[in-house]
Amino acid sequence: MANPLPNEKEIYEQIECQKITIEPGIWDLIYHHLGDDITAINLLCAYYLSRKEPMPIKEAEKILVYTRNIRDIIKKITLSSPQDFPFPQFKENIPLHPVIKDMFTHYIGNDVVAINFIV
C-alpha cells in the first residue's frame, strides 16, 4: 500500500471545502475497468495462498497483464487533454481536478508498482 502523501490532511480538507468531485460516469468507468482486474488479482492470490502453493509463472504473468491494464486506464483517465481522452461520452469532464489526478496517480500508481515488484 502506498505511503500517505505528506499533505494528505490538507488535500482532504481542500476536496471537502471546494467540493471537488468526479463525475459519476467516470467513477463507473474506473470501477468497471479497475475492479475486474483487481478482482482477478485477488482471486489468483487467494487461490494459491489457501493451498499454500507457489504461484506458477503463467499465473504471475496474468497478474502483470492486469496491473498493466490498471496502469493504462489510470493513464487514460488522468490525461490533461480532452482531445486525447478515449471515452468520448466523458470528454466534458476531463481533465480531472489536479488534486484528484495526483491522488489517483500516487495511490494507484504506487500500488501497481508494489504488486509488480512482488510478482
PDB file of N, CA and C in Angstrom:
ATOM      1  N   MET A   1       0.832  -1.175   0.000  1.00  0.00           N
ATOM      2  CA  MET A   1       0.000   0.000   0.000  1.00  0.00           C
ATOM      3  C   MET A   1       0.876   1.236   0.000  1.00  0.00           C
ATOM      4  N   ALA A   2       0.485   2.221  -0.786  1.00  0.00           N
ATOM      5  CA  ALA A   2       1.257   3.450  -0.918  1.00  0.00           C
ATOM      6  C   ALA A   2       1.291   4.218   0.404  1.00  0.00           C
ATOM      7  N   ASN A   3       2.413   4.852   0.648  1.00  0.00           N
ATOM      8  CA  ASN A   3       2.511   5.723   1.821  1.00  0.00           C
ATOM      9  C   ASN A   3       1.614   6.939   1.616  1.00  0.00           C
ATOM     10  N   PRO A   4       1.068   7.465   2.704  1.00  0.00           N
ATOM     11  CA  PRO A   4       0.228   8.663   2.566  1.00  0.00           C
ATOM     12  C   PRO A   4       1.045   9.816   1.980  1.00  0.00           C
ATOM     13  N   LEU A   5       0.357  10.696   1.271  1.00  0.00           N
ATOM     14  CA  LEU A   5       1.008  11.905   0.795  1.00  0.00           C
ATOM     15  C   LEU A   5       1.346  12.767   2.002  1.00  0.00           C
ATOM     16  N   PRO A   6       2.431  13.527   1.942  1.00  0.00           N
ATOM     17  CA  PRO A   6       2.821  14.318   3.113  1.00  0.00           C
ATOM     18  C   PRO A   6       1.770  15.356   3.505  1.00  0.00           C
ATOM     19  N   ASN A   7       1.001  15.839   2.554  1.00  0.00           N
ATOM     20  CA  ASN A   7      -0.007  16.869   2.838  1.00  0.00           C
ATOM     21  C   ASN A   7      -1.424  16.309   2.675  1.00  0.00           C
ATOM     22  N   GLU A   8      -1.595  15.039   2.991  1.00  0.00           N
ATOM     23  CA  GLU A   8      -2.872  14.369   2.756  1.00  0.00           C
ATOM     24  C   GLU A   8      -4.038  15.021   3.502  1.00  0.00           C
ATOM     25  N   LYS A   9      -3.820  15.409   4.727  1.00  0.00           N
ATOM     26  CA  LYS A   9      -4.893  16.038   5.506  1.00  0.00           C
ATOM     27  C   LYS A   9      -5.370  17.313   4.816  1.00  0.00           C
ATOM     28  N   GLU A  10      -4.433  18.112   4.338  1.00  0.00           N
ATOM     29  CA  GLU A  10      -4.786  19.347   3.644  1.00  0.00           C
ATOM     30  C   GLU A  10      -5.511  19.050   2.330  1.00  0.00           C
ATOM     31  N   ILE A  11      -5.099  17.985   1.655  1.00  0.00           N
ATOM     32  CA  ILE A  11      -5.749  17.606   0.401  1.00  0.00           C
ATOM     33  C   ILE A  11      -7.207  17.250   0.659  1.00  0.00           C
ATOM     34  N   TYR A  12      -7.475  16.446   1.690  1.00  0.00           N
ATOM     35  CA  TYR A  12      -8.856  16.085   2.004  1.00  0.00           C
ATOM     36  C   TYR A  12      -9.676  17.307   2.415  1.00  0.00           C
ATOM     37  N   GLU A  13      -9.050  18.235   3.139  1.00  0.00           N
ATOM     38  CA  GLU A  13      -9.747  19.467   3.502  1.00  0.00           C
ATOM     39  C   GLU A  13     -10.077  20.289   2.257  1.00  0.00           C
ATOM     40  N   GLN A  14      -9.129  20.338   1.312  1.00  0.00           N
ATOM     41  CA  GLN A  14      -9.357  21.067   0.067  1.00  0.00           C
ATOM     42  C   GLN A  14     -10.499  20.429  -0.728  1.00  0.00           C
ATOM     43  N   ILE A  15     -10.509  19.114  -0.791  1.00  0.00           N
ATOM     44  CA  ILE A  15     -11.578  18.403  -1.501  1.00  0.00           C
ATOM     45  C   ILE A  15     -12.931  18.724  -0.876  1.00  0.00           C
ATOM     46  N   GLU A  16     -12.972  18.702   0.451  1.00  0.00           N
ATOM     47  CA  GLU A  16     -14.232  18.987   1.138  1.00  0.00           C
ATOM     48  C   GLU A  16     -14.654  20.447   0.984  1.00  0.00           C
ATOM     49  N   CYS A  17     -13.728  21.379   1.206  1.00  0.00           N
ATOM     50  CA  CYS A  17     -14.068  22.806   1.151  1.00  0.00           C
ATOM     51  C   CYS A  17     -14.467  23.240  -0.254  1.00  0.00           C
ATOM     52  N   GLN A  18     -13.750  22.751  -1.259  1.00  0.00           N
ATOM     53  CA  GLN A  18     -14.020  23.158  -2.641  1.00  0.00           C
ATOM     54  C   GLN A  18     -15.044  22.250  -3.317  1.00  0.00           C
ATOM     55  N   LYS A  19     -15.491  21.250  -2.573  1.00  0.00           N
ATOM     56  CA  LYS A  19     -16.476  20.298  -3.104  1.00  0.00           C
ATOM     57  C   LYS A  19     -16.009  19.696  -4.433  1.00  0.00           C
ATOM     58  N   ILE A  20     -14.759  19.235  -4.429  1.00  0.00           N
ATOM     59  CA  ILE A  20     -14.159  18.630  -5.624  1.00  0.00           C
ATOM     60  C   ILE A  20     -14.736  17.236  -5.781  1.00  0.00           C
ATOM     61  N   THR A  21     -15.241  16.952  -6.953  1.00  0.00           N
ATOM     62  CA  THR A  21     -15.859  15.658  -7.208  1.00  0.00           C
ATOM     63  C   THR A  21     -15.376  15.067  -8.528  1.00  0.00           C
ATOM     64  N   ILE A  22     -15.807  13.838  -8.750  1.00  0.00           N
ATOM     65  CA  ILE A  22     -15.585  13.161 -10.021  1.00  0.00           C
ATOM     66  C   ILE A  22     -16.952  12.798 -10.557  1.00  0.00           C
ATOM     67  N   GLU A  23     -17.160  13.030 -11.823  1.00  0.00           N
ATOM     68  CA  GLU A  23     -18.430  12.729 -12.471  1.00  0.00           C
ATOM     69  C   GLU A  23     -18.757  11.256 -12.264  1.00  0.00           C
ATOM     70  N   PRO A  24     -19.997  10.911 -11.890  1.00  0.00           N
ATOM     71  CA  PRO A  24     -20.355   9.512 -11.609  1.00  0.00           C
ATOM     72  C   PRO A  24     -20.050   8.537 -12.741  1.00  0.00           C
ATOM     73  N   GLY A  25     -20.169   8.973 -13.977  1.00  0.00           N
ATOM     74  CA  GLY A  25     -19.836   8.087 -15.101  1.00  0.00           C
ATOM     75  C   GLY A  25     -18.370   7.705 -15.112  1.00  0.00           C
ATOM     76  N   ILE A  26     -17.509   8.640 -14.727  1.00  0.00           N
ATOM     77  CA  ILE A  26     -16.074   8.329 -14.663  1.00  0.00           C
ATOM     78  C   ILE A  26     -15.807   7.364 -13.512  1.00  0.00           C
ATOM     79  N   TRP A  27     -16.520   7.533 -12.381  1.00  0.00           N
ATOM     80  CA  TRP A  27     -16.396   6.575 -11.274  1.00  0.00           C
ATOM     81  C   TRP A  27     -16.772   5.175 -11.750  1.00  0.00           C
ATOM     82  N   ASP A  28     -17.875   5.076 -12.492  1.00  0.00           N
ATOM     83  CA  ASP A  28     -18.301   3.778 -13.015  1.00  0.00           C
ATOM     84  C   ASP A  28     -17.248   3.186 -13.946  1.00  0.00           C
ATOM     85  N   LEU A  29     -16.677   4.030 -14.784  1.00  0.00           N
ATOM     86  CA  LEU A  29     -15.627   3.596 -15.700  1.00  0.00           C
ATOM     87  C   LEU A  29     -14.435   3.040 -14.922  1.00  0.00           C
ATOM     88  N   ILE A  30     -14.017   3.757 -13.904  1.00  0.00           N
ATOM     89  CA  ILE A  30     -12.893   3.317 -13.067  1.00  0.00           C
ATOM     90  C   ILE A  30     -13.249   2.010 -12.363  1.00  0.00           C
ATOM     91  N   TYR A  31     -14.425   1.971 -11.756  1.00  0.00           N
ATOM     92  CA  TYR A  31     -14.847   0.782 -11.018  1.00  0.00           C
ATOM     93  C   TYR A  31     -14.902  -0.440 -11.932  1.00  0.00           C
ATOM     94  N   HIS A  32     -15.473  -0.259 -13.105  1.00  0.00           N
ATOM     95  CA  HIS A  32     -15.598  -1.378 -14.038  1.00  0.00           C
ATOM     96  C   HIS A  32     -14.227  -1.885 -14.495  1.00  0.00           C
ATOM     97  N   HIS A  33     -13.392  -0.979 -14.989  1.00  0.00           N
ATOM     98  CA  HIS A  33     -12.101  -1.403 -15.534  1.00  0.00           C
ATOM     99  C   HIS A  33     -11.134  -1.868 -14.455  1.00  0.00           C
ATOM    100  N   LEU A  34     -11.000  -1.098 -13.391  1.00  0.00           N
ATOM    101  CA  LEU A  34     -10.065  -1.479 -12.342  1.00  0.00           C
ATOM    102  C   LEU A  34     -10.613  -2.616 -11.492  1.00  0.00           C
ATOM    103  N   GLY A  35     -11.899  -2.588 -11.219  1.00  0.00           N
ATOM    104  CA  GLY A  35     -12.498  -3.608 -10.363  1.00  0.00           C
ATOM    105  C   GLY A  35     -12.320  -5.015 -10.899  1.00  0.00           C
ATOM    106  N   ASP A  36     -12.514  -5.189 -12.197  1.00  0.00           N
ATOM    107  CA  ASP A  36     -12.342  -6.513 -12.788  1.00  0.00           C
ATOM    108  C   ASP A  36     -10.914  -7.023 -12.635  1.00  0.00           C
ATOM    109  N   ASP A  37      -9.953  -6.141 -12.907  1.00  0.00           N
ATOM    110  CA  ASP A  37      -8.547  -6.558 -12.805  1.00  0.00           C
ATOM    111  C   ASP A  37      -8.139  -6.820 -11.356  1.00  0.00           C
ATOM    112  N   ILE A  38      -8.600  -5.988 -10.442  1.00  0.00           N
ATOM    113  CA  ILE A  38      -8.267  -6.183  -9.025  1.00  0.00           C
ATOM    114  C   ILE A  38      -8.889  -7.473  -8.505  1.00  0.00           C
ATOM    115  N   THR A  39     -10.119  -7.748  -8.909  1.00  0.00           N
ATOM    116  CA  THR A  39     -10.776  -8.996  -8.503  1.00  0.00           C
ATOM    117  C   THR A  39      -9.995 -10.203  -9.004  1.00  0.00           C
ATOM    118  N   ALA A  40      -9.545 -10.150 -10.239  1.00  0.00           N
ATOM    119  CA  ALA A  40      -8.769 -11.267 -10.795  1.00  0.00           C
ATOM    120  C   ALA A  40      -7.463 -11.469 -10.027  1.00  0.00           C
ATOM    121  N   ILE A  41      -6.786 -10.379  -9.698  1.00  0.00           N
ATOM    122  CA  ILE A  41      -5.547 -10.479  -8.916  1.00  0.00           C
ATOM    123  C   ILE A  41      -5.839 -11.102  -7.558  1.00  0.00           C
ATOM    124  N   ASN A  42      -6.879 -10.627  -6.884  1.00  0.00           N
ATOM    125  CA  ASN A  42      -7.255 -11.158  -5.572  1.00  0.00           C
ATOM    126  C   ASN A  42      -7.573 -12.646  -5.635  1.00  0.00           C
ATOM    127  N   LEU A  43      -8.333 -13.053  -6.638  1.00  0.00           N
ATOM    128  CA  LEU A  43      -8.700 -14.463  -6.759  1.00  0.00           C
ATOM    129  C   LEU A  43      -7.490 -15.353  -7.003  1.00  0.00           C
ATOM    130  N   LEU A  44      -6.600 -14.912  -7.880  1.00  0.00           N
ATOM    131  CA  LEU A  44      -5.379 -15.698  -8.135  1.00  0.00           C
ATOM    132  C   LEU A  44      -4.554 -15.845  -6.858  1.00  0.00           C
ATOM    133  N   CYS A  45      -4.333 -14.742  -6.182  1.00  0.00           N
ATOM    134  CA  CYS A  45      -3.515 -14.792  -4.961  1.00  0.00           C
ATOM    135  C   CYS A  45      -4.185 -15.624  -3.878  1.00  0.00           C
ATOM    136  N   ALA A  46      -5.476 -15.437  -3.675  1.00  0.00           N
ATOM    137  CA  ALA A  46      -6.191 -16.177  -2.642  1.00  0.00           C
ATOM    138  C   ALA A  46      -6.163 -17.674  -2.907  1.00  0.00           C
ATOM    139  N   TYR A  47      -6.297 -18.051  -4.158  1.00  0.00           N
ATOM    140  CA  TYR A  47      -6.297 -19.472  -4.506  1.00  0.00           C
ATOM    141  C   TYR A  47      -4.980 -20.134  -4.093  1.00  0.00           C
ATOM    142  N   TYR A  48      -3.868 -19.539  -4.478  1.00  0.00           N
ATOM    143  CA  TYR A  48      -2.575 -20.163  -4.168  1.00  0.00           C
ATOM    144  C   TYR A  48      -2.197 -20.024  -2.697  1.00  0.00           C
ATOM    145  N   LEU A  49      -2.616 -18.944  -2.065  1.00  0.00           N
ATOM    146  CA  LEU A  49      -2.370 -18.813  -0.629  1.00  0.00           C
ATOM    147  C   LEU A  49      -3.161 -19.851   0.162  1.00  0.00           C
ATOM    148  N   SER A  50      -4.404 -20.080  -0.220  1.00  0.00           N
ATOM    149  CA  SER A  50      -5.230 -21.048   0.508  1.00  0.00           C
ATOM    150  C   SER A  50      -4.682 -22.471   0.361  1.00  0.00           C
ATOM    151  N   ARG A  51      -4.054 -22.750  -0.753  1.00  0.00           N
ATOM    152  CA  ARG A  51      -3.484 -24.081  -0.979  1.00  0.00           C
ATOM    153  C   ARG A  51      -2.038 -24.177  -0.481  1.00  0.00           C
ATOM    154  N   LYS A  52      -1.504 -23.033  -0.060  1.00  0.00           N
ATOM    155  CA  LYS A  52      -0.106 -22.953   0.390  1.00  0.00           C
ATOM    156  C   LYS A  52       0.841 -23.487  -0.686  1.00  0.00           C
ATOM    157  N   GLU A  53       0.546 -23.085  -1.911  1.00  0.00           N
ATOM    158  CA  GLU A  53       1.356 -23.486  -3.061  1.00  0.00           C
ATOM    159  C   GLU A  53       1.974 -22.247  -3.698  1.00  0.00           C
ATOM    160  N   PRO A  54       3.146 -22.402  -4.300  1.00  0.00           N
ATOM    161  CA  PRO A  54       3.698 -21.271  -5.047  1.00  0.00           C
ATOM    162  C   PRO A  54       2.858 -21.032  -6.301  1.00  0.00           C
ATOM    163  N   MET A  55       2.802 -19.792  -6.696  1.00  0.00           N
ATOM    164  CA  MET A  55       2.035 -19.443  -7.890  1.00  0.00           C
ATOM    165  C   MET A  55       2.866 -19.774  -9.127  1.00  0.00           C
ATOM    166  N   PRO A  56       2.296 -20.503 -10.072  1.00  0.00           N
ATOM    167  CA  PRO A  56       3.022 -20.790 -11.315  1.00  0.00           C
ATOM    168  C   PRO A  56       3.323 -19.503 -12.097  1.00  0.00           C
ATOM    169  N   ILE A  57       4.370 -19.540 -12.854  1.00  0.00           N
ATOM    170  CA  ILE A  57       4.795 -18.367 -13.620  1.00  0.00           C
ATOM    171  C   ILE A  57       3.681 -17.872 -14.534  1.00  0.00           C
ATOM    172  N   LYS A  58       2.965 -18.766 -15.175  1.00  0.00           N
ATOM    173  CA  LYS A  58       1.867 -18.368 -16.078  1.00  0.00           C
ATOM    174  C   LYS A  58       0.813 -17.539 -15.338  1.00  0.00           C
ATOM    175  N   GLU A  59       0.535 -17.907 -14.107  1.00  0.00           N
ATOM    176  CA  GLU A  59      -0.452 -17.170 -13.316  1.00  0.00           C
ATOM    177  C   GLU A  59       0.100 -15.802 -12.906  1.00  0.00           C
ATOM    178  N   ALA A  60       1.375 -15.770 -12.545  1.00  0.00           N
ATOM    179  CA  ALA A  60       2.008 -14.494 -12.176  1.00  0.00           C
ATOM    180  C   ALA A  60       2.033 -13.552 -13.385  1.00  0.00           C
ATOM    181  N   GLU A  61       2.246 -14.115 -14.559  1.00  0.00           N
ATOM    182  CA  GLU A  61       2.224 -13.291 -15.776  1.00  0.00           C
ATOM    183  C   GLU A  61       0.844 -12.669 -15.991  1.00  0.00           C
ATOM    184  N   LYS A  62      -0.205 -13.382 -15.614  1.00  0.00           N
ATOM    185  CA  LYS A  62      -1.558 -12.822 -15.720  1.00  0.00           C
ATOM    186  C   LYS A  62      -1.693 -11.591 -14.830  1.00  0.00           C
ATOM    187  N   ILE A  63      -1.122 -11.661 -13.645  1.00  0.00           N
ATOM    188  CA  ILE A  63      -1.181 -10.513 -12.729  1.00  0.00           C
ATOM    189  C   ILE A  63      -0.485  -9.314 -13.352  1.00  0.00           C
ATOM    190  N   LEU A  64       0.636  -9.545 -14.020  1.00  0.00           N
ATOM    191  CA  LEU A  64       1.335  -8.436 -14.665  1.00  0.00           C
ATOM    192  C   LEU A  64       0.488  -7.821 -15.782  1.00  0.00           C
ATOM    193  N   VAL A  65      -0.269  -8.642 -16.476  1.00  0.00           N
ATOM    194  CA  VAL A  65      -1.189  -8.124 -17.500  1.00  0.00           C
ATOM    195  C   VAL A  65      -2.272  -7.270 -16.840  1.00  0.00           C
ATOM    196  N   TYR A  66      -2.818  -7.741 -15.723  1.00  0.00           N
ATOM    197  CA  TYR A  66      -3.862  -6.981 -15.019  1.00  0.00           C
ATOM    198  C   TYR A  66      -3.322  -5.649 -14.511  1.00  0.00           C
ATOM    199  N   THR A  67      -2.119  -5.650 -13.969  1.00  0.00           N
ATOM    200  CA  THR A  67      -1.567  -4.381 -13.473  1.00  0.00           C
ATOM    201  C   THR A  67      -1.259  -3.439 -14.638  1.00  0.00           C
ATOM    202  N   ARG A  68      -0.862  -3.980 -15.762  1.00  0.00           N
ATOM    203  CA  ARG A  68      -0.643  -3.144 -16.949  1.00  0.00           C
ATOM    204  C   ARG A  68      -1.965  -2.503 -17.378  1.00  0.00           C
ATOM    205  N   ASN A  69      -3.049  -3.283 -17.340  1.00  0.00           N
ATOM    206  CA  ASN A  69      -4.369  -2.734 -17.672  1.00  0.00           C
ATOM    207  C   ASN A  69      -4.761  -1.609 -16.711  1.00  0.00           C
ATOM    208  N   ILE A  70      -4.506  -1.824 -15.422  1.00  0.00           N
ATOM    209  CA  ILE A  70      -4.821  -0.804 -14.414  1.00  0.00           C
ATOM    210  C   ILE A  70      -4.019   0.467 -14.684  1.00  0.00           C
ATOM    211  N   ARG A  71      -2.737   0.305 -14.936  1.00  0.00           N
ATOM    212  CA  ARG A  71      -1.873   1.458 -15.211  1.00  0.00           C
ATOM    213  C   ARG A  71      -2.350   2.203 -16.463  1.00  0.00           C
ATOM    214  N   ASP A  72      -2.751   1.454 -17.495  1.00  0.00           N
ATOM    215  CA  ASP A  72      -3.216   2.078 -18.735  1.00  0.00           C
ATOM    216  C   ASP A  72      -4.498   2.873 -18.536  1.00  0.00           C
ATOM    217  N   ILE A  73      -5.445   2.323 -17.777  1.00  0.00           N
ATOM    218  CA  ILE A  73      -6.708   3.042 -17.583  1.00  0.00           C
ATOM    219  C   ILE A  73      -6.484   4.304 -16.749  1.00  0.00           C
ATOM    220  N   ILE A  74      -5.615   4.239 -15.760  1.00  0.00           N
ATOM    221  CA  ILE A  74      -5.318   5.443 -14.965  1.00  0.00           C
ATOM    222  C   ILE A  74      -4.623   6.484 -15.830  1.00  0.00           C
ATOM    223  N   LYS A  75      -3.721   6.039 -16.697  1.00  0.00           N
ATOM    224  CA  LYS A  75      -3.047   6.965 -17.607  1.00  0.00           C
ATOM    225  C   LYS A  75      -4.085   7.661 -18.505  1.00  0.00           C
ATOM    226  N   LYS A  76      -5.064   6.914 -18.996  1.00  0.00           N
ATOM    227  CA  LYS A  76      -6.098   7.493 -19.858  1.00  0.00           C
ATOM    228  C   LYS A  76      -6.994   8.459 -19.089  1.00  0.00           C
ATOM    229  N   ILE A  77      -7.359   8.080 -17.886  1.00  0.00           N
ATOM    230  CA  ILE A  77      -8.267   8.915 -17.095  1.00  0.00           C
ATOM    231  C   ILE A  77      -7.595  10.199 -16.626  1.00  0.00           C
ATOM    232  N   THR A  78      -6.299  10.168 -16.445  1.00  0.00           N
ATOM    233  CA  THR A  78      -5.598  11.349 -15.938  1.00  0.00           C
ATOM    234  C   THR A  78      -4.972  12.197 -17.045  1.00  0.00           C
ATOM    235  N   LEU A  79      -5.381  11.968 -18.293  1.00  0.00           N
ATOM    236  CA  LEU A  79      -4.884  12.793 -19.392  1.00  0.00           C
ATOM    237  C   LEU A  79      -5.244  14.256 -19.151  1.00  0.00           C
ATOM    238  N   SER A  80      -4.389  15.132 -19.629  1.00  0.00           N
ATOM    239  CA  SER A  80      -4.631  16.562 -19.447  1.00  0.00           C
ATOM    240  C   SER A  80      -5.480  17.157 -20.559  1.00  0.00           C
ATOM    241  N   SER A  81      -5.619  16.436 -21.659  1.00  0.00           N
ATOM    242  CA  SER A  81      -6.318  16.985 -22.811  1.00  0.00           C
ATOM    243  C   SER A  81      -7.546  16.155 -23.170  1.00  0.00           C
ATOM    244  N   PRO A  82      -8.711  16.778 -23.252  1.00  0.00           N
ATOM    245  CA  PRO A  82      -9.922  16.040 -23.641  1.00  0.00           C
ATOM    246  C   PRO A  82      -9.815  15.450 -25.050  1.00  0.00           C
ATOM    247  N   GLN A  83      -9.025  16.065 -25.910  1.00  0.00           N
ATOM    248  CA  GLN A  83      -8.889  15.550 -27.273  1.00  0.00           C
ATOM    249  C   GLN A  83      -8.292  14.150 -27.299  1.00  0.00           C
ATOM    250  N   ASP A  84      -7.454  13.830 -26.354  1.00  0.00           N
ATOM    251  CA  ASP A  84      -6.795  12.525 -26.309  1.00  0.00           C
ATOM    252  C   ASP A  84      -7.578  11.493 -25.500  1.00  0.00           C
ATOM    253  N   PHE A  85      -8.658  11.921 -24.878  1.00  0.00           N
ATOM    254  CA  PHE A  85      -9.407  11.037 -23.986  1.00  0.00           C
ATOM    255  C   PHE A  85     -10.171   9.994 -24.808  1.00  0.00           C
ATOM    256  N   PRO A  86      -9.947   8.702 -24.549  1.00  0.00           N
ATOM    257  CA  PRO A  86     -10.532   7.652 -25.388  1.00  0.00           C
ATOM    258  C   PRO A  86     -12.006   7.330 -25.113  1.00  0.00           C
ATOM    259  N   PHE A  87     -12.623   8.014 -24.167  1.00  0.00           N
ATOM    260  CA  PHE A  87     -14.025   7.767 -23.833  1.00  0.00           C
ATOM    261  C   PHE A  87     -14.822   9.033 -24.131  1.00  0.00           C
ATOM    262  N   PRO A  88     -15.319   9.168 -25.377  1.00  0.00           N
ATOM    263  CA  PRO A  88     -15.938  10.434 -25.801  1.00  0.00           C
ATOM    264  C   PRO A  88     -17.113  10.887 -24.945  1.00  0.00           C
ATOM    265  N   GLN A  89     -17.837   9.967 -24.342  1.00  0.00           N
ATOM    266  CA  GLN A  89     -19.008  10.353 -23.555  1.00  0.00           C
ATOM    267  C   GLN A  89     -18.630  11.125 -22.293  1.00  0.00           C
ATOM    268  N   PHE A  90     -17.345  11.128 -21.913  1.00  0.00           N
ATOM    269  CA  PHE A  90     -16.917  11.813 -20.694  1.00  0.00           C
ATOM    270  C   PHE A  90     -15.954  12.966 -20.968  1.00  0.00           C
ATOM    271  N   LYS A  91     -15.767  13.339 -22.229  1.00  0.00           N
ATOM    272  CA  LYS A  91     -14.775  14.368 -22.564  1.00  0.00           C
ATOM    273  C   LYS A  91     -15.017  15.701 -21.858  1.00  0.00           C
ATOM    274  N   GLU A  92     -16.279  16.017 -21.590  1.00  0.00           N
ATOM    275  CA  GLU A  92     -16.564  17.298 -20.938  1.00  0.00           C
ATOM    276  C   GLU A  92     -16.119  17.297 -19.473  1.00  0.00           C
ATOM    277  N   ASN A  93     -15.782  16.136 -18.927  1.00  0.00           N
ATOM    278  CA  ASN A  93     -15.346  16.028 -17.533  1.00  0.00           C
ATOM    279  C   ASN A  93     -13.833  15.856 -17.394  1.00  0.00           C
ATOM    280  N   ILE A  94     -13.120  16.080 -18.478  1.00  0.00           N
ATOM    281  CA  ILE A  94     -11.670  15.943 -18.494  1.00  0.00           C
ATOM    282  C   ILE A  94     -11.083  17.314 -18.806  1.00  0.00           C
ATOM    283  N   PRO A  95     -10.005  17.705 -18.192  1.00  0.00           N
ATOM    284  CA  PRO A  95      -9.182  16.938 -17.267  1.00  0.00           C
ATOM    285  C   PRO A  95      -9.781  16.897 -15.868  1.00  0.00           C
ATOM    286  N   LEU A  96      -9.371  15.884 -15.123  1.00  0.00           N
ATOM    287  CA  LEU A  96      -9.763  15.785 -13.724  1.00  0.00           C
ATOM    288  C   LEU A  96      -9.135  16.936 -12.952  1.00  0.00           C
ATOM    289  N   HIS A  97      -9.739  17.262 -11.837  1.00  0.00           N
ATOM    290  CA  HIS A  97      -9.142  18.274 -10.957  1.00  0.00           C
ATOM    291  C   HIS A  97      -7.728  17.804 -10.594  1.00  0.00           C
ATOM    292  N   PRO A  98      -6.747  18.709 -10.574  1.00  0.00           N
ATOM    293  CA  PRO A  98      -5.365  18.305 -10.290  1.00  0.00           C
ATOM    294  C   PRO A  98      -5.185  17.522  -8.985  1.00  0.00           C
ATOM    295  N   VAL A  99      -5.973  17.851  -7.970  1.00  0.00           N
ATOM    296  CA  VAL A  99      -5.878  17.135  -6.689  1.00  0.00           C
ATOM    297  C   VAL A  99      -6.289  15.669  -6.872  1.00  0.00           C
ATOM    298  N   ILE A 100      -7.380  15.443  -7.590  1.00  0.00           N
ATOM    299  CA  ILE A 100      -7.853  14.080  -7.830  1.00  0.00           C
ATOM    300  C   ILE A 100      -6.851  13.329  -8.700  1.00  0.00           C
ATOM    301  N   LYS A 101      -6.351  13.989  -9.715  1.00  0.00           N
ATOM    302  CA  LYS A 101      -5.355  13.377 -10.600  1.00  0.00           C
ATOM    303  C   LYS A 101      -4.115  12.954  -9.806  1.00  0.00           C
ATOM    304  N   ASP A 102      -3.639  13.824  -8.934  1.00  0.00           N
ATOM    305  CA  ASP A 102      -2.460  13.500  -8.116  1.00  0.00           C
ATOM    306  C   ASP A 102      -2.727  12.311  -7.194  1.00  0.00           C
ATOM    307  N   MET A 103      -3.919  12.273  -6.604  1.00  0.00           N
ATOM    308  CA  MET A 103      -4.231  11.158  -5.702  1.00  0.00           C
ATOM    309  C   MET A 103      -4.314   9.839  -6.473  1.00  0.00           C
ATOM    310  N   PHE A 104      -4.964   9.849  -7.634  1.00  0.00           N
ATOM    311  CA  PHE A 104      -5.040   8.635  -8.448  1.00  0.00           C
ATOM    312  C   PHE A 104      -3.648   8.138  -8.808  1.00  0.00           C
ATOM    313  N   THR A 105      -2.843   9.040  -9.345  1.00  0.00           N
ATOM    314  CA  THR A 105      -1.523   8.600  -9.799  1.00  0.00           C
ATOM    315  C   THR A 105      -0.645   8.165  -8.635  1.00  0.00           C
ATOM    316  N   HIS A 106      -0.780   8.813  -7.490  1.00  0.00           N
ATOM    317  CA  HIS A 106       0.047   8.425  -6.342  1.00  0.00           C
ATOM    318  C   HIS A 106      -0.380   7.071  -5.777  1.00  0.00           C
ATOM    319  N   TYR A 107      -1.628   6.969  -5.390  1.00  0.00           N
ATOM    320  CA  TYR A 107      -2.070   5.754  -4.706  1.00  0.00           C
ATOM    321  C   TYR A 107      -2.150   4.544  -5.629  1.00  0.00           C
ATOM    322  N   ILE A 108      -2.817   4.683  -6.736  1.00  0.00           N
ATOM    323  CA  ILE A 108      -2.952   3.531  -7.632  1.00  0.00           C
ATOM    324  C   ILE A 108      -1.618   3.226  -8.294  1.00  0.00           C
ATOM    325  N   GLY A 109      -0.909   4.257  -8.708  1.00  0.00           N
ATOM    326  CA  GLY A 109       0.396   4.045  -9.334  1.00  0.00           C
ATOM    327  C   GLY A 109       1.375   3.336  -8.418  1.00  0.00           C
ATOM    328  N   ASN A 110       1.453   3.767  -7.173  1.00  0.00           N
ATOM    329  CA  ASN A 110       2.372   3.130  -6.231  1.00  0.00           C
ATOM    330  C   ASN A 110       1.958   1.692  -5.916  1.00  0.00           C
ATOM    331  N   ASP A 111       0.665   1.456  -5.803  1.00  0.00           N
ATOM    332  CA  ASP A 111       0.209   0.091  -5.522  1.00  0.00           C
ATOM    333  C   ASP A 111       0.495  -0.846  -6.695  1.00  0.00           C
ATOM    334  N   VAL A 112       0.325  -0.354  -7.910  1.00  0.00           N
ATOM    335  CA  VAL A 112       0.629  -1.173  -9.088  1.00  0.00           C
ATOM    336  C   VAL A 112       2.120  -1.504  -9.130  1.00  0.00           C
ATOM    337  N   VAL A 113       2.951  -0.530  -8.844  1.00  0.00           N
ATOM    338  CA  VAL A 113       4.402  -0.777  -8.812  1.00  0.00           C
ATOM    339  C   VAL A 113       4.730  -1.815  -7.738  1.00  0.00           C
ATOM    340  N   ALA A 114       4.095  -1.718  -6.576  1.00  0.00           N
ATOM    341  CA  ALA A 114       4.346  -2.672  -5.499  1.00  0.00           C
ATOM    342  C   ALA A 114       3.913  -4.073  -5.899  1.00  0.00           C
ATOM    343  N   ILE A 115       2.751  -4.204  -6.527  1.00  0.00           N
ATOM    344  CA  ILE A 115       2.292  -5.527  -6.984  1.00  0.00           C
ATOM    345  C   ILE A 115       3.283  -6.095  -7.995  1.00  0.00           C
ATOM    346  N   ASN A 116       3.693  -5.285  -8.956  1.00  0.00           N
ATOM    347  CA  ASN A 116       4.656  -5.751  -9.952  1.00  0.00           C
ATOM    348  C   ASN A 116       5.972  -6.188  -9.305  1.00  0.00           C
ATOM    349  N   PHE A 117       6.413  -5.425  -8.320  1.00  0.00           N
ATOM    350  CA  PHE A 117       7.651  -5.766  -7.624  1.00  0.00           C
ATOM    351  C   PHE A 117       7.539  -7.117  -6.928  1.00  0.00           C
ATOM    352  N   ILE A 118       6.428  -7.349  -6.272  1.00  0.00           N
ATOM    353  CA  ILE A 118       6.219  -8.623  -5.576  1.00  0.00           C
ATOM    354  C   ILE A 118       6.165  -9.780  -6.560  1.00  0.00           C
ATOM    355  N   VAL A 119       5.428  -9.587  -7.664  1.00  0.00           N
ATOM    356  CA  VAL A 119       5.299 -10.647  -8.664  1.00  0.00           C
ATOM    357  C   VAL A 119       6.645 -10.921  -9.290  1.00  0.00           C
TER     358      VAL A 119
END
